[in-house]
Amino acid sequence: MTGEHPCKPARLGEGSFGYVVAAKDLQAGRRVAIKKIKDALEDEVDGKRLLRELKLLRHCRGHENFVIIKDIILSPPGRCFPS
C-alpha cells in the first residue's frame, strides 16, 4: 500500500511510538494496518527500538501470528503526515 491509495482508517490502538489504524487498501482490496510513528527518527533510542521491531517482523515473516510489512513511508523533511 502506498500513500497514494485512498482508505478510510479506523483507529485501533495507541502505543509508545504512536498509533495503529485499520484501513482497506482499495487497490489490493484487502484490509491493512497502518502504524503512524511520531518522530521516529528524531530520538536515537526510539530509532533503535523501531529498527529492532522491524528486524523482528522481518525474521518472523510468514508466521500466521505476525503482520507483513508492505511499505514504509517517511514524511518529507519538515512535514508530517496528518494524525
C-alpha atoms as a PDB file:
ATOM      1  CA  MET A   1       0.000   0.000   0.000  1.00  0.00           C
ATOM      2  CA  THR A   2       1.358   3.399  -0.825  1.00  0.00           C
ATOM      3  CA  GLY A   3       0.374   6.860   0.357  1.00  0.00           C
ATOM      4  CA  GLU A   4      -1.498   7.395  -2.916  1.00  0.00           C
ATOM      5  CA  HIS A   5      -4.303   4.890  -2.314  1.00  0.00           C
ATOM      6  CA  PRO A   6      -7.381   6.255  -0.564  1.00  0.00           C
ATOM      7  CA  CYS A   7      -8.624   4.483   2.536  1.00  0.00           C
ATOM      8  CA  LYS A   8     -10.968   5.094   5.438  1.00  0.00           C
ATOM      9  CA  PRO A   9      -8.937   4.498   8.608  1.00  0.00           C
ATOM     10  CA  ALA A  10     -10.352   3.396  11.959  1.00  0.00           C
ATOM     11  CA  ARG A  11      -8.078   3.828  14.974  1.00  0.00           C
ATOM     12  CA  LEU A  12      -7.261   0.507  16.654  1.00  0.00           C
ATOM     13  CA  GLY A  13      -4.919   1.482  19.437  1.00  0.00           C
ATOM     14  CA  GLU A  14      -2.061   3.558  20.720  1.00  0.00           C
ATOM     15  CA  GLY A  15       1.404   2.717  21.966  1.00  0.00           C
ATOM     16  CA  SER A  16       4.696   4.293  22.900  1.00  0.00           C
ATOM     17  CA  PHE A  17       5.653   5.107  19.293  1.00  0.00           C
ATOM     18  CA  GLY A  18       2.305   6.369  18.034  1.00  0.00           C
ATOM     19  CA  TYR A  19      -0.920   4.698  16.983  1.00  0.00           C
ATOM     20  CA  VAL A  20      -2.299   1.995  14.670  1.00  0.00           C
ATOM     21  CA  VAL A  21      -5.292   2.294  12.362  1.00  0.00           C
ATOM     22  CA  ALA A  22      -7.137  -0.298  10.302  1.00  0.00           C
ATOM     23  CA  ALA A  23      -7.945   0.579   6.711  1.00  0.00           C
ATOM     24  CA  LYS A  24      -8.727  -1.024   3.385  1.00  0.00           C
ATOM     25  CA  ASP A  25      -6.226  -0.849   0.552  1.00  0.00           C
ATOM     26  CA  LEU A  26      -8.621  -0.087  -2.277  1.00  0.00           C
ATOM     27  CA  GLN A  27      -6.124  -1.077  -4.962  1.00  0.00           C
ATOM     28  CA  ALA A  28      -5.370  -4.509  -3.480  1.00  0.00           C
ATOM     29  CA  GLY A  29      -8.843  -4.987  -1.972  1.00  0.00           C
ATOM     30  CA  ARG A  30      -7.581  -6.174   1.405  1.00  0.00           C
ATOM     31  CA  ARG A  31      -7.530  -4.939   4.983  1.00  0.00           C
ATOM     32  CA  VAL A  32      -4.311  -3.407   6.224  1.00  0.00           C
ATOM     33  CA  ALA A  33      -2.957  -1.950   9.449  1.00  0.00           C
ATOM     34  CA  ILE A  34      -1.112   1.358   9.301  1.00  0.00           C
ATOM     35  CA  LYS A  35       1.260   2.296  12.094  1.00  0.00           C
ATOM     36  CA  LYS A  36       1.797   6.064  12.415  1.00  0.00           C
ATOM     37  CA  ILE A  37       5.055   6.638  14.267  1.00  0.00           C
ATOM     38  CA  LYS A  38       5.615  10.116  15.631  1.00  0.00           C
ATOM     39  CA  ASP A  39       9.157  11.489  15.273  1.00  0.00           C
ATOM     40  CA  ALA A  40      10.551   8.005  14.610  1.00  0.00           C
ATOM     41  CA  LEU A  41      13.979   9.207  13.613  1.00  0.00           C
ATOM     42  CA  GLU A  42      14.302  12.171  15.968  1.00  0.00           C
ATOM     43  CA  ASP A  43      15.408  10.202  19.027  1.00  0.00           C
ATOM     44  CA  GLU A  44      18.282   7.700  18.830  1.00  0.00           C
ATOM     45  CA  VAL A  45      16.797   5.336  21.440  1.00  0.00           C
ATOM     46  CA  ASP A  46      13.374   5.278  19.732  1.00  0.00           C
ATOM     47  CA  GLY A  47      15.076   4.787  16.370  1.00  0.00           C
ATOM     48  CA  LYS A  48      16.914   1.738  17.723  1.00  0.00           C
ATOM     49  CA  ARG A  49      13.684   0.311  19.169  1.00  0.00           C
ATOM     50  CA  LEU A  50      11.918   0.797  15.854  1.00  0.00           C
ATOM     51  CA  LEU A  51      14.764  -0.874  13.973  1.00  0.00           C
ATOM     52  CA  ARG A  52      14.642  -3.806  16.421  1.00  0.00           C
ATOM     53  CA  GLU A  53      10.881  -4.154  15.828  1.00  0.00           C
ATOM     54  CA  LEU A  54      11.338  -4.111  12.047  1.00  0.00           C
ATOM     55  CA  LYS A  55      14.092  -6.738  12.239  1.00  0.00           C
ATOM     56  CA  LEU A  56      11.895  -8.952  14.417  1.00  0.00           C
ATOM     57  CA  LEU A  57       8.982  -8.653  11.975  1.00  0.00           C
ATOM     58  CA  ARG A  58      11.304  -9.492   9.073  1.00  0.00           C
ATOM     59  CA  HIS A  59      12.679 -12.510  10.969  1.00  0.00           C
ATOM     60  CA  CYS A  60       9.170 -13.817  11.717  1.00  0.00           C
ATOM     61  CA  ARG A  61       7.887 -13.192   8.186  1.00  0.00           C
ATOM     62  CA  GLY A  62       5.436 -15.863   7.088  1.00  0.00           C
ATOM     63  CA  HIS A  63       4.285 -16.831  10.587  1.00  0.00           C
ATOM     64  CA  GLU A  64       0.498 -16.668  10.926  1.00  0.00           C
ATOM     65  CA  ASN A  65       0.663 -14.543  14.100  1.00  0.00           C
ATOM     66  CA  PHE A  66       2.816 -11.751  12.625  1.00  0.00           C
ATOM     67  CA  VAL A  67       1.951  -8.975  10.218  1.00  0.00           C
ATOM     68  CA  ILE A  68       3.727  -8.444   6.910  1.00  0.00           C
ATOM     69  CA  ILE A  69       5.342  -5.080   6.226  1.00  0.00           C
ATOM     70  CA  LYS A  70       4.228  -3.889   2.796  1.00  0.00           C
ATOM     71  CA  ASP A  71       5.584  -0.331   2.703  1.00  0.00           C
ATOM     72  CA  ILE A  72       7.492   2.119   4.832  1.00  0.00           C
ATOM     73  CA  ILE A  73       6.760   5.752   4.038  1.00  0.00           C
ATOM     74  CA  LEU A  74       8.796   8.581   5.529  1.00  0.00           C
ATOM     75  CA  SER A  75       7.445  12.104   5.850  1.00  0.00           C
ATOM     76  CA  PRO A  76       9.318  14.621   3.704  1.00  0.00           C
ATOM     77  CA  PRO A  77      11.732  16.784   5.747  1.00  0.00           C
ATOM     78  CA  GLY A  78       9.832  19.461   7.665  1.00  0.00           C
ATOM     79  CA  ARG A  79       6.437  17.862   7.022  1.00  0.00           C
ATOM     80  CA  CYS A  80       4.354  15.342   8.911  1.00  0.00           C
ATOM     81  CA  PHE A  81       1.638  13.083   7.649  1.00  0.00           C
ATOM     82  CA  PRO A  82      -1.770  14.001   9.104  1.00  0.00           C
ATOM     83  CA  SER A  83      -2.530  12.477  12.508  1.00  0.00           C
END
